Amino acid sequence: MNTQTMTVPALAHPLPSPWQAMGGVLRRDLRLALRRKAEWLGAVFFFVLVAALFPLAIGPEPNTLRLIGPGVLWVAALLASMLSLGRLFDADHQDGSLEQLALSAAHAAVGDGIDLAATLTSTARVPQDLVVDYVVHHVRANGGTSAKVFKGWKLTLAPGETRPLAKRHSLRPVTTRTLYPGTHRVELLVNGCVVAAAAFELRA
């Protein structure tokens, strides 16, 4: 079973609006960029170097530079931005922000089961009481989906604590629900909020 890490931030009420959340992410990324000056200074130096050397390569003719100058600057900016692409999400990967719910297999058959596994890490400064459930969006006969919430875990995470979670979900048909083949989406809920999602293909 592959267990991946998922960071659970400190829970706050009321929840921020989408615009507030976007602003918070932007401020966070700017602060991280200012701490790693070598990365963005290197991109700026590369841009200036390309812009300065290009006229030396094609000549100082004003009309020619005026014609191709804007395109050269855009290409130089694009190439400069690509220098840091390899490290763009490196910090998010290291702290687990990009990790989501792990499934034991991408495919399953009716009558079998799937293993759900995740690791919650609290970044709060105070203990958090968490109710962790999961939602399975079952495929219906008409091609739509129907969501069903399943009980998971109740726990208290201490500040900085990491807690692994694992559960096997049965895919056996029951009298109140018929299972149809197709892509089933699974969402992990922490105190009613979706914090991770994945999908698996159910075969007949």
N, C-alpha and C. Protein backbone atom coordinates (compact mmCIF):
# COMPACT_ATOMS: atom_id res chain seq x y z
N MET A 1 0.85 -1.19 0.00
CA MET A 1 0.00 0.00 0.00
C MET A 1 0.88 1.24 0.00
N ASN A 2 0.69 2.13 -0.94
CA ASN A 2 1.46 3.36 -1.00
C ASN A 2 0.74 4.44 -0.23
N THR A 3 1.39 4.94 0.81
CA THR A 3 0.80 5.98 1.63
C THR A 3 1.46 7.31 1.30
N GLN A 4 0.67 8.29 0.97
CA GLN A 4 1.18 9.59 0.64
C GLN A 4 0.83 10.58 1.73
N THR A 5 1.56 11.68 1.75
CA THR A 5 1.40 12.67 2.80
C THR A 5 0.49 13.79 2.35
N MET A 6 -0.37 14.24 3.26
CA MET A 6 -1.28 15.34 2.99
C MET A 6 -1.24 16.28 4.18
N THR A 7 -1.00 17.54 3.91
CA THR A 7 -0.91 18.53 4.98
C THR A 7 -2.29 19.10 5.27
N VAL A 8 -2.69 19.08 6.52
CA VAL A 8 -3.96 19.67 6.94
C VAL A 8 -3.65 20.98 7.65
N PRO A 9 -3.96 22.12 7.06
CA PRO A 9 -3.66 23.39 7.70
C PRO A 9 -4.56 23.63 8.89
N ALA A 10 -4.20 24.63 9.67
CA ALA A 10 -5.03 24.98 10.83
C ALA A 10 -6.42 25.37 10.36
N LEU A 11 -7.44 24.79 10.97
CA LEU A 11 -8.81 25.05 10.57
C LEU A 11 -9.28 26.36 11.17
N ALA A 12 -9.92 27.17 10.37
CA ALA A 12 -10.40 28.47 10.83
C ALA A 12 -11.85 28.63 10.43
N HIS A 13 -12.61 29.31 11.21
CA HIS A 13 -14.02 29.56 10.95
C HIS A 13 -14.29 31.06 11.09
N PRO A 14 -14.99 31.70 10.15
CA PRO A 14 -15.54 31.07 8.95
C PRO A 14 -14.47 30.80 7.89
N LEU A 15 -14.80 29.94 6.91
CA LEU A 15 -13.86 29.64 5.86
C LEU A 15 -13.67 30.84 4.95
N PRO A 16 -12.46 31.06 4.43
CA PRO A 16 -12.23 32.22 3.56
C PRO A 16 -12.93 32.06 2.23
N SER A 17 -13.19 33.21 1.60
CA SER A 17 -13.79 33.20 0.28
C SER A 17 -12.75 32.76 -0.75
N PRO A 18 -13.17 32.38 -1.97
CA PRO A 18 -12.18 32.00 -3.00
C PRO A 18 -11.17 33.09 -3.27
N TRP A 19 -11.61 34.35 -3.28
CA TRP A 19 -10.68 35.45 -3.55
C TRP A 19 -9.67 35.61 -2.42
N GLN A 20 -10.12 35.43 -1.18
CA GLN A 20 -9.20 35.49 -0.05
C GLN A 20 -8.19 34.35 -0.10
N ALA A 21 -8.67 33.18 -0.50
CA ALA A 21 -7.77 32.03 -0.61
C ALA A 21 -6.72 32.27 -1.70
N MET A 22 -7.15 32.81 -2.84
CA MET A 22 -6.20 33.11 -3.92
C MET A 22 -5.18 34.15 -3.48
N GLY A 23 -5.65 35.16 -2.75
CA GLY A 23 -4.74 36.17 -2.25
C GLY A 23 -3.73 35.60 -1.27
N GLY A 24 -4.18 34.69 -0.41
CA GLY A 24 -3.27 34.06 0.53
C GLY A 24 -2.20 33.22 -0.17
N VAL A 25 -2.61 32.48 -1.20
CA VAL A 25 -1.64 31.68 -1.96
C VAL A 25 -0.63 32.58 -2.66
N LEU A 26 -1.12 33.70 -3.23
CA LEU A 26 -0.23 34.62 -3.92
C LEU A 26 0.78 35.23 -2.96
N ARG A 27 0.30 35.66 -1.77
CA ARG A 27 1.23 36.23 -0.79
C ARG A 27 2.26 35.20 -0.33
N ARG A 28 1.80 33.95 -0.17
CA ARG A 28 2.72 32.88 0.25
C ARG A 28 3.80 32.67 -0.80
N ASP A 29 3.40 32.59 -2.08
CA ASP A 29 4.38 32.35 -3.14
C ASP A 29 5.37 33.50 -3.27
N LEU A 30 4.89 34.74 -3.08
CA LEU A 30 5.79 35.89 -3.14
C LEU A 30 6.81 35.86 -2.01
N ARG A 31 6.35 35.49 -0.82
CA ARG A 31 7.28 35.40 0.31
C ARG A 31 8.34 34.32 0.06
N LEU A 32 7.90 33.17 -0.49
CA LEU A 32 8.85 32.10 -0.78
C LEU A 32 9.84 32.53 -1.85
N ALA A 33 9.37 33.29 -2.85
CA ALA A 33 10.27 33.75 -3.91
C ALA A 33 11.31 34.73 -3.38
N LEU A 34 10.90 35.60 -2.45
CA LEU A 34 11.85 36.55 -1.88
C LEU A 34 12.92 35.85 -1.04
N ARG A 35 12.57 34.70 -0.49
CA ARG A 35 13.56 33.96 0.30
C ARG A 35 14.57 33.25 -0.58
N ARG A 36 14.19 32.94 -1.82
CA ARG A 36 15.09 32.25 -2.74
C ARG A 36 15.49 33.20 -3.86
N LYS A 37 16.27 34.21 -3.51
CA LYS A 37 16.63 35.26 -4.47
C LYS A 37 17.46 34.73 -5.63
N ALA A 38 18.24 33.69 -5.40
CA ALA A 38 19.11 33.18 -6.46
C ALA A 38 18.30 32.70 -7.65
N GLU A 39 17.11 32.15 -7.42
CA GLU A 39 16.31 31.62 -8.51
C GLU A 39 15.79 32.72 -9.43
N TRP A 40 15.13 33.75 -8.84
CA TRP A 40 14.57 34.76 -9.72
C TRP A 40 15.62 35.76 -10.21
N LEU A 41 16.71 35.96 -9.45
CA LEU A 41 17.78 36.82 -9.95
C LEU A 41 18.48 36.18 -11.14
N GLY A 42 18.60 34.85 -11.10
CA GLY A 42 19.18 34.16 -12.24
C GLY A 42 18.33 34.31 -13.50
N ALA A 43 17.00 34.25 -13.34
CA ALA A 43 16.12 34.42 -14.49
C ALA A 43 16.20 35.85 -15.04
N VAL A 44 16.26 36.84 -14.14
CA VAL A 44 16.38 38.24 -14.58
C VAL A 44 17.70 38.46 -15.30
N PHE A 45 18.79 37.91 -14.77
CA PHE A 45 20.10 38.05 -15.42
C PHE A 45 20.09 37.42 -16.80
N PHE A 46 19.46 36.25 -16.94
CA PHE A 46 19.38 35.59 -18.23
C PHE A 46 18.60 36.45 -19.23
N PHE A 47 17.48 37.03 -18.80
CA PHE A 47 16.67 37.87 -19.68
C PHE A 47 17.47 39.08 -20.17
N VAL A 48 18.14 39.74 -19.24
CA VAL A 48 18.94 40.92 -19.62
C VAL A 48 20.07 40.53 -20.55
N LEU A 49 20.70 39.40 -20.30
CA LEU A 49 21.81 38.95 -21.13
C LEU A 49 21.35 38.67 -22.56
N VAL A 50 20.23 37.97 -22.71
CA VAL A 50 19.72 37.67 -24.05
C VAL A 50 19.33 38.95 -24.77
N ALA A 51 18.62 39.86 -24.07
CA ALA A 51 18.21 41.11 -24.69
C ALA A 51 19.39 41.96 -25.10
N ALA A 52 20.49 41.89 -24.36
CA ALA A 52 21.66 42.70 -24.68
C ALA A 52 22.50 42.10 -25.80
N LEU A 53 22.60 40.78 -25.86
CA LEU A 53 23.45 40.13 -26.85
C LEU A 53 22.78 39.99 -28.20
N PHE A 54 21.47 39.99 -28.25
CA PHE A 54 20.78 39.78 -29.53
C PHE A 54 21.11 40.87 -30.55
N PRO A 55 21.10 42.15 -30.19
CA PRO A 55 21.48 43.17 -31.19
C PRO A 55 22.90 42.99 -31.69
N LEU A 56 23.78 42.48 -30.86
CA LEU A 56 25.15 42.26 -31.31
C LEU A 56 25.22 41.16 -32.34
N ALA A 57 24.26 40.22 -32.30
CA ALA A 57 24.29 39.10 -33.23
C ALA A 57 23.72 39.47 -34.60
N ILE A 58 22.70 40.34 -34.63
CA ILE A 58 22.05 40.65 -35.91
C ILE A 58 22.44 42.02 -36.46
N GLY A 59 23.13 42.82 -35.66
CA GLY A 59 23.54 44.13 -36.13
C GLY A 59 22.71 45.25 -35.51
N PRO A 60 23.23 46.48 -35.58
CA PRO A 60 22.58 47.61 -34.91
C PRO A 60 21.55 48.35 -35.77
N GLU A 61 21.09 47.77 -36.87
CA GLU A 61 20.16 48.46 -37.76
C GLU A 61 18.87 48.78 -37.00
N PRO A 62 18.51 50.07 -36.83
CA PRO A 62 17.34 50.44 -36.03
C PRO A 62 16.03 49.85 -36.54
N ASN A 63 15.83 49.86 -37.87
CA ASN A 63 14.57 49.34 -38.40
C ASN A 63 14.40 47.85 -38.13
N THR A 64 15.50 47.13 -38.26
CA THR A 64 15.44 45.69 -37.99
C THR A 64 15.16 45.41 -36.51
N LEU A 65 15.84 46.14 -35.64
CA LEU A 65 15.61 45.95 -34.20
C LEU A 65 14.20 46.34 -33.81
N ARG A 66 13.69 47.40 -34.44
CA ARG A 66 12.32 47.84 -34.13
C ARG A 66 11.30 46.78 -34.57
N LEU A 67 11.60 46.07 -35.65
CA LEU A 67 10.67 45.09 -36.19
C LEU A 67 10.64 43.80 -35.36
N ILE A 68 11.81 43.33 -34.98
CA ILE A 68 11.87 42.03 -34.30
C ILE A 68 12.07 42.16 -32.80
N GLY A 69 12.30 43.37 -32.32
CA GLY A 69 12.59 43.57 -30.90
C GLY A 69 11.53 43.02 -29.95
N PRO A 70 10.24 43.36 -30.16
CA PRO A 70 9.20 42.84 -29.24
C PRO A 70 9.17 41.32 -29.18
N GLY A 71 9.30 40.67 -30.34
CA GLY A 71 9.30 39.21 -30.33
C GLY A 71 10.48 38.62 -29.59
N VAL A 72 11.63 39.25 -29.76
CA VAL A 72 12.84 38.77 -29.07
C VAL A 72 12.67 38.90 -27.56
N LEU A 73 12.11 40.02 -27.12
CA LEU A 73 11.92 40.21 -25.68
C LEU A 73 10.95 39.18 -25.11
N TRP A 74 9.86 38.87 -25.84
CA TRP A 74 8.91 37.88 -25.35
C TRP A 74 9.55 36.49 -25.28
N VAL A 75 10.35 36.14 -26.32
CA VAL A 75 11.02 34.84 -26.30
C VAL A 75 12.03 34.77 -25.16
N ALA A 76 12.75 35.86 -24.94
CA ALA A 76 13.72 35.89 -23.85
C ALA A 76 13.03 35.75 -22.50
N ALA A 77 11.88 36.42 -22.33
CA ALA A 77 11.14 36.30 -21.08
C ALA A 77 10.63 34.88 -20.87
N LEU A 78 10.17 34.24 -21.95
CA LEU A 78 9.69 32.87 -21.85
C LEU A 78 10.81 31.92 -21.45
N LEU A 79 11.96 32.06 -22.10
CA LEU A 79 13.09 31.20 -21.78
C LEU A 79 13.58 31.43 -20.36
N ALA A 80 13.57 32.69 -19.92
CA ALA A 80 14.00 32.99 -18.56
C ALA A 80 13.07 32.37 -17.53
N SER A 81 11.77 32.40 -17.81
CA SER A 81 10.82 31.81 -16.86
C SER A 81 10.96 30.30 -16.79
N MET A 82 11.41 29.69 -17.88
CA MET A 82 11.55 28.23 -17.89
C MET A 82 12.72 27.76 -17.04
N LEU A 83 13.63 28.66 -16.68
CA LEU A 83 14.77 28.26 -15.88
C LEU A 83 14.35 27.74 -14.50
N SER A 84 13.26 28.30 -13.98
CA SER A 84 12.83 27.92 -12.63
C SER A 84 11.66 26.94 -12.63
N LEU A 85 11.24 26.45 -13.80
CA LEU A 85 10.10 25.54 -13.85
C LEU A 85 10.37 24.25 -13.08
N GLY A 86 11.61 23.77 -13.13
CA GLY A 86 11.92 22.53 -12.44
C GLY A 86 11.76 22.61 -10.93
N ARG A 87 11.86 23.83 -10.38
CA ARG A 87 11.72 24.01 -8.94
C ARG A 87 10.43 24.71 -8.57
N LEU A 88 9.50 24.83 -9.52
CA LEU A 88 8.28 25.60 -9.29
C LEU A 88 7.45 25.02 -8.15
N PHE A 89 7.28 23.71 -8.14
CA PHE A 89 6.46 23.06 -7.12
C PHE A 89 7.30 22.20 -6.19
N ASP A 90 8.60 22.43 -6.16
CA ASP A 90 9.46 21.60 -5.32
C ASP A 90 9.13 21.75 -3.84
N ALA A 91 8.92 22.99 -3.38
CA ALA A 91 8.59 23.20 -1.97
C ALA A 91 7.24 22.58 -1.61
N ASP A 92 6.27 22.68 -2.53
CA ASP A 92 4.96 22.07 -2.27
C ASP A 92 5.07 20.56 -2.21
N HIS A 93 5.95 20.00 -3.03
CA HIS A 93 6.13 18.55 -2.99
C HIS A 93 6.79 18.12 -1.69
N GLN A 94 7.77 18.89 -1.22
CA GLN A 94 8.48 18.53 -0.01
C GLN A 94 7.59 18.58 1.22
N ASP A 95 6.68 19.58 1.30
CA ASP A 95 5.85 19.67 2.49
C ASP A 95 4.54 18.91 2.37
N GLY A 96 4.33 18.21 1.24
CA GLY A 96 3.16 17.36 1.11
C GLY A 96 1.92 18.05 0.58
N SER A 97 2.04 19.32 0.18
CA SER A 97 0.85 20.05 -0.26
C SER A 97 0.26 19.49 -1.54
N LEU A 98 1.10 18.86 -2.36
CA LEU A 98 0.61 18.34 -3.64
C LEU A 98 0.08 16.91 -3.55
N GLU A 99 0.31 16.29 -2.42
CA GLU A 99 -0.11 14.89 -2.28
C GLU A 99 -1.60 14.80 -1.99
N GLN A 100 -2.21 13.81 -2.56
CA GLN A 100 -3.65 13.62 -2.38
C GLN A 100 -3.93 12.21 -1.89
N LEU A 101 -5.20 11.90 -1.88
CA LEU A 101 -5.63 10.58 -1.43
C LEU A 101 -5.02 9.49 -2.31
N ALA A 102 -4.47 8.47 -1.67
CA ALA A 102 -3.83 7.37 -2.40
C ALA A 102 -4.78 6.19 -2.48
N LEU A 103 -4.86 5.62 -3.66
CA LEU A 103 -5.66 4.42 -3.86
C LEU A 103 -4.73 3.26 -4.17
N SER A 104 -5.10 2.07 -3.67
CA SER A 104 -4.22 0.92 -3.86
C SER A 104 -4.15 0.49 -5.31
N ALA A 105 -5.16 0.77 -6.10
CA ALA A 105 -5.15 0.39 -7.51
C ALA A 105 -6.03 1.34 -8.29
N ALA A 106 -5.68 1.52 -9.56
CA ALA A 106 -6.47 2.39 -10.40
C ALA A 106 -7.71 1.69 -10.93
N HIS A 107 -7.72 0.37 -10.85
CA HIS A 107 -8.85 -0.41 -11.33
C HIS A 107 -9.31 -1.37 -10.24
N ALA A 108 -10.58 -1.64 -10.23
CA ALA A 108 -11.16 -2.60 -9.29
C ALA A 108 -12.37 -3.23 -9.95
N ALA A 109 -12.75 -4.39 -9.45
CA ALA A 109 -13.90 -5.11 -9.99
C ALA A 109 -15.00 -5.15 -8.96
N VAL A 110 -16.23 -5.24 -9.46
CA VAL A 110 -17.39 -5.36 -8.57
C VAL A 110 -17.23 -6.63 -7.73
N GLY A 111 -17.39 -6.48 -6.43
CA GLY A 111 -17.19 -7.58 -5.51
C GLY A 111 -15.86 -7.54 -4.79
N ASP A 112 -14.93 -6.72 -5.31
CA ASP A 112 -13.63 -6.58 -4.65
C ASP A 112 -13.67 -5.41 -3.67
N GLY A 113 -12.56 -4.76 -3.49
CA GLY A 113 -12.48 -3.60 -2.61
C GLY A 113 -11.28 -2.76 -2.96
N ILE A 114 -11.22 -1.56 -2.44
CA ILE A 114 -10.09 -0.68 -2.65
C ILE A 114 -9.55 -0.24 -1.30
N ASP A 115 -8.25 -0.03 -1.23
CA ASP A 115 -7.60 0.42 -0.01
C ASP A 115 -7.38 1.93 -0.08
N LEU A 116 -7.93 2.63 0.89
CA LEU A 116 -7.73 4.06 0.98
C LEU A 116 -6.62 4.32 2.00
N ALA A 117 -5.68 5.18 1.65
CA ALA A 117 -4.58 5.48 2.57
C ALA A 117 -4.19 6.94 2.43
N ALA A 118 -3.95 7.57 3.56
CA ALA A 118 -3.51 8.97 3.56
C ALA A 118 -2.78 9.23 4.86
N THR A 119 -1.96 10.26 4.87
CA THR A 119 -1.27 10.69 6.08
C THR A 119 -1.58 12.15 6.32
N LEU A 120 -2.19 12.45 7.44
CA LEU A 120 -2.54 13.82 7.79
C LEU A 120 -1.44 14.43 8.64
N THR A 121 -1.04 15.63 8.30
CA THR A 121 -0.05 16.36 9.07
C THR A 121 -0.62 17.71 9.45
N SER A 122 -0.68 18.01 10.73
CA SER A 122 -1.25 19.27 11.19
C SER A 122 -0.17 20.35 11.25
N THR A 123 -0.50 21.52 10.72
CA THR A 123 0.39 22.67 10.81
C THR A 123 -0.16 23.70 11.80
N ALA A 124 -1.18 23.32 12.55
CA ALA A 124 -1.78 24.24 13.51
C ALA A 124 -0.90 24.36 14.76
N ARG A 125 -1.13 25.41 15.51
CA ARG A 125 -0.40 25.63 16.76
C ARG A 125 -1.16 25.10 17.97
N VAL A 126 -2.37 24.65 17.74
CA VAL A 126 -3.19 24.10 18.82
C VAL A 126 -3.73 22.75 18.35
N PRO A 127 -4.14 21.89 19.28
CA PRO A 127 -4.72 20.60 18.88
C PRO A 127 -5.99 20.80 18.05
N GLN A 128 -6.23 19.89 17.13
CA GLN A 128 -7.40 19.97 16.25
C GLN A 128 -8.22 18.69 16.38
N ASP A 129 -9.51 18.86 16.63
CA ASP A 129 -10.45 17.74 16.62
C ASP A 129 -10.96 17.58 15.20
N LEU A 130 -10.69 16.44 14.61
CA LEU A 130 -11.02 16.21 13.21
C LEU A 130 -11.99 15.05 13.04
N VAL A 131 -12.93 15.24 12.17
CA VAL A 131 -13.82 14.17 11.71
C VAL A 131 -13.49 13.93 10.24
N VAL A 132 -12.92 12.78 9.96
CA VAL A 132 -12.45 12.46 8.61
C VAL A 132 -13.38 11.42 8.01
N ASP A 133 -14.09 11.79 6.97
CA ASP A 133 -14.96 10.88 6.23
C ASP A 133 -14.52 10.86 4.77
N TYR A 134 -15.17 10.04 3.98
CA TYR A 134 -14.87 10.04 2.55
C TYR A 134 -16.16 9.85 1.76
N VAL A 135 -16.15 10.39 0.56
CA VAL A 135 -17.31 10.36 -0.33
C VAL A 135 -16.95 9.56 -1.57
N VAL A 136 -17.81 8.64 -1.94
CA VAL A 136 -17.66 7.89 -3.19
C VAL A 136 -18.77 8.33 -4.13
N HIS A 137 -18.40 8.82 -5.28
CA HIS A 137 -19.38 9.23 -6.30
C HIS A 137 -19.64 8.02 -7.21
N HIS A 138 -20.69 7.27 -6.89
CA HIS A 138 -21.00 6.06 -7.64
C HIS A 138 -21.60 6.41 -9.01
N VAL A 139 -21.20 5.64 -9.99
CA VAL A 139 -21.76 5.79 -11.33
C VAL A 139 -23.16 5.19 -11.37
N ARG A 140 -24.08 5.91 -11.98
CA ARG A 140 -25.45 5.44 -12.08
C ARG A 140 -25.70 4.82 -13.45
N ALA A 141 -26.85 4.19 -13.61
CA ALA A 141 -27.17 3.50 -14.86
C ALA A 141 -27.26 4.47 -16.03
N ASN A 142 -27.68 5.72 -15.78
CA ASN A 142 -27.83 6.70 -16.85
C ASN A 142 -26.54 7.45 -17.16
N GLY A 143 -25.43 7.07 -16.52
CA GLY A 143 -24.16 7.71 -16.77
C GLY A 143 -23.81 8.81 -15.78
N GLY A 144 -24.77 9.25 -14.99
CA GLY A 144 -24.50 10.26 -13.98
C GLY A 144 -23.84 9.65 -12.75
N THR A 145 -23.73 10.44 -11.71
CA THR A 145 -23.12 9.95 -10.48
C THR A 145 -24.01 10.28 -9.29
N SER A 146 -23.85 9.50 -8.25
CA SER A 146 -24.58 9.69 -7.00
C SER A 146 -23.59 9.60 -5.85
N ALA A 147 -23.52 10.66 -5.03
CA ALA A 147 -22.54 10.73 -3.96
C ALA A 147 -23.06 10.02 -2.71
N LYS A 148 -22.18 9.28 -2.06
CA LYS A 148 -22.49 8.59 -0.82
C LYS A 148 -21.36 8.84 0.17
N VAL A 149 -21.70 9.37 1.35
CA VAL A 149 -20.71 9.65 2.38
C VAL A 149 -20.54 8.42 3.27
N PHE A 150 -19.30 8.04 3.52
CA PHE A 150 -18.99 6.91 4.39
C PHE A 150 -18.19 7.42 5.59
N LYS A 151 -18.50 6.88 6.75
CA LYS A 151 -17.81 7.27 7.96
C LYS A 151 -16.36 6.79 7.93
N GLY A 152 -15.48 7.64 8.44
CA GLY A 152 -14.07 7.29 8.45
C GLY A 152 -13.49 7.25 9.84
N TRP A 153 -12.92 8.38 10.29
CA TRP A 153 -12.21 8.40 11.54
C TRP A 153 -12.57 9.67 12.33
N LYS A 154 -12.48 9.58 13.63
CA LYS A 154 -12.55 10.73 14.52
C LYS A 154 -11.25 10.75 15.31
N LEU A 155 -10.54 11.86 15.28
CA LEU A 155 -9.24 11.92 15.92
C LEU A 155 -8.90 13.34 16.33
N THR A 156 -7.91 13.45 17.17
CA THR A 156 -7.37 14.74 17.58
C THR A 156 -5.91 14.79 17.19
N LEU A 157 -5.55 15.79 16.38
CA LEU A 157 -4.16 15.95 15.96
C LEU A 157 -3.50 17.02 16.81
N ALA A 158 -2.39 16.66 17.41
CA ALA A 158 -1.61 17.63 18.16
C ALA A 158 -0.84 18.53 17.19
N PRO A 159 -0.40 19.69 17.62
CA PRO A 159 0.38 20.57 16.73
C PRO A 159 1.59 19.85 16.13
N GLY A 160 1.68 19.85 14.81
CA GLY A 160 2.79 19.21 14.14
C GLY A 160 2.72 17.70 14.06
N GLU A 161 1.65 17.10 14.57
CA GLU A 161 1.55 15.63 14.58
C GLU A 161 1.22 15.10 13.19
N THR A 162 1.75 13.94 12.89
CA THR A 162 1.45 13.23 11.65
C THR A 162 0.73 11.94 12.00
N ARG A 163 -0.38 11.69 11.32
CA ARG A 163 -1.19 10.50 11.63
C ARG A 163 -1.54 9.77 10.33
N PRO A 164 -1.09 8.53 10.18
CA PRO A 164 -1.47 7.74 9.00
C PRO A 164 -2.88 7.18 9.16
N LEU A 165 -3.60 7.14 8.07
CA LEU A 165 -4.96 6.60 8.05
C LEU A 165 -5.06 5.55 6.95
N ALA A 166 -5.79 4.49 7.21
CA ALA A 166 -5.98 3.44 6.22
C ALA A 166 -7.33 2.79 6.42
N LYS A 167 -7.97 2.46 5.33
CA LYS A 167 -9.29 1.82 5.40
C LYS A 167 -9.54 1.09 4.09
N ARG A 168 -10.19 -0.05 4.20
CA ARG A 168 -10.57 -0.79 2.99
C ARG A 168 -12.06 -0.58 2.74
N HIS A 169 -12.35 -0.17 1.52
CA HIS A 169 -13.74 0.09 1.13
C HIS A 169 -14.24 -1.05 0.26
N SER A 170 -15.32 -1.66 0.68
CA SER A 170 -15.87 -2.80 -0.04
C SER A 170 -16.65 -2.35 -1.27
N LEU A 171 -16.51 -3.10 -2.33
CA LEU A 171 -17.24 -2.84 -3.57
C LEU A 171 -18.24 -3.96 -3.87
N ARG A 172 -18.71 -4.60 -2.82
CA ARG A 172 -19.73 -5.63 -3.00
C ARG A 172 -21.10 -5.00 -3.14
N PRO A 173 -21.93 -5.49 -4.05
CA PRO A 173 -23.28 -4.93 -4.22
C PRO A 173 -24.12 -5.16 -2.97
N VAL A 174 -24.95 -4.19 -2.68
CA VAL A 174 -25.88 -4.30 -1.55
C VAL A 174 -27.30 -4.10 -2.08
N THR A 175 -28.28 -4.41 -1.24
CA THR A 175 -29.66 -4.34 -1.69
C THR A 175 -30.11 -2.91 -2.00
N THR A 176 -29.49 -1.93 -1.34
CA THR A 176 -29.91 -0.53 -1.54
C THR A 176 -29.10 0.19 -2.61
N ARG A 177 -28.09 -0.49 -3.19
CA ARG A 177 -27.26 0.20 -4.17
C ARG A 177 -26.70 -0.80 -5.16
N THR A 178 -26.87 -0.50 -6.44
CA THR A 178 -26.31 -1.31 -7.51
C THR A 178 -25.06 -0.63 -8.04
N LEU A 179 -23.99 -1.39 -8.17
CA LEU A 179 -22.73 -0.84 -8.65
C LEU A 179 -22.63 -1.01 -10.16
N TYR A 180 -22.34 0.09 -10.86
CA TYR A 180 -22.20 0.06 -12.31
C TYR A 180 -20.75 0.37 -12.69
N PRO A 181 -20.27 -0.24 -13.77
CA PRO A 181 -18.89 0.04 -14.20
C PRO A 181 -18.73 1.51 -14.59
N GLY A 182 -17.50 1.99 -14.45
CA GLY A 182 -17.20 3.37 -14.82
C GLY A 182 -16.21 3.99 -13.85
N THR A 183 -15.93 5.26 -14.08
CA THR A 183 -14.98 5.98 -13.24
C THR A 183 -15.67 6.52 -12.00
N HIS A 184 -15.21 6.08 -10.84
CA HIS A 184 -15.76 6.50 -9.56
C HIS A 184 -14.78 7.47 -8.89
N ARG A 185 -15.29 8.61 -8.50
CA ARG A 185 -14.47 9.62 -7.83
C ARG A 185 -14.59 9.45 -6.31
N VAL A 186 -13.46 9.56 -5.63
CA VAL A 186 -13.40 9.46 -4.17
C VAL A 186 -12.84 10.77 -3.62
N GLU A 187 -13.53 11.33 -2.64
CA GLU A 187 -13.09 12.58 -2.00
C GLU A 187 -12.91 12.35 -0.51
N LEU A 188 -11.87 12.93 0.05
CA LEU A 188 -11.60 12.84 1.48
C LEU A 188 -12.09 14.13 2.14
N LEU A 189 -12.92 13.97 3.17
CA LEU A 189 -13.48 15.11 3.88
C LEU A 189 -12.83 15.24 5.26
N VAL A 190 -12.41 16.44 5.59
CA VAL A 190 -11.92 16.74 6.94
C VAL A 190 -12.80 17.84 7.50
N ASN A 191 -13.57 17.50 8.52
CA ASN A 191 -14.56 18.43 9.10
C ASN A 191 -15.48 19.01 8.02
N GLY A 192 -15.89 18.15 7.10
CA GLY A 192 -16.84 18.54 6.07
C GLY A 192 -16.25 19.20 4.86
N CYS A 193 -14.94 19.45 4.84
CA CYS A 193 -14.29 20.12 3.71
C CYS A 193 -13.48 19.10 2.90
N VAL A 194 -13.60 19.16 1.58
CA VAL A 194 -12.84 18.28 0.70
C VAL A 194 -11.38 18.71 0.70
N VAL A 195 -10.49 17.81 1.09
CA VAL A 195 -9.07 18.14 1.13
C VAL A 195 -8.25 17.30 0.15
N ALA A 196 -8.85 16.26 -0.42
CA ALA A 196 -8.12 15.42 -1.37
C ALA A 196 -9.13 14.66 -2.22
N ALA A 197 -8.70 14.24 -3.38
CA ALA A 197 -9.59 13.51 -4.28
C ALA A 197 -8.77 12.60 -5.19
N ALA A 198 -9.38 11.53 -5.62
CA ALA A 198 -8.78 10.59 -6.55
C ALA A 198 -9.91 9.86 -7.26
N ALA A 199 -9.56 8.96 -8.16
CA ALA A 199 -10.59 8.22 -8.89
C ALA A 199 -10.07 6.82 -9.21
N PHE A 200 -11.00 5.91 -9.39
CA PHE A 200 -10.64 4.56 -9.81
C PHE A 200 -11.69 4.08 -10.81
N GLU A 201 -11.27 3.14 -11.63
CA GLU A 201 -12.14 2.58 -12.66
C GLU A 201 -12.74 1.27 -12.16
N LEU A 202 -14.06 1.22 -12.09
CA LEU A 202 -14.74 0.01 -11.65
C LEU A 202 -15.14 -0.82 -12.86
N ARG A 203 -14.75 -2.08 -12.82
CA ARG A 203 -15.08 -3.00 -13.91
C ARG A 203 -16.10 -4.01 -13.45
N ALA A 204 -16.89 -4.46 -14.40
CA ALA A 204 -17.94 -5.43 -14.08
C ALA A 204 -17.33 -6.79 -13.76
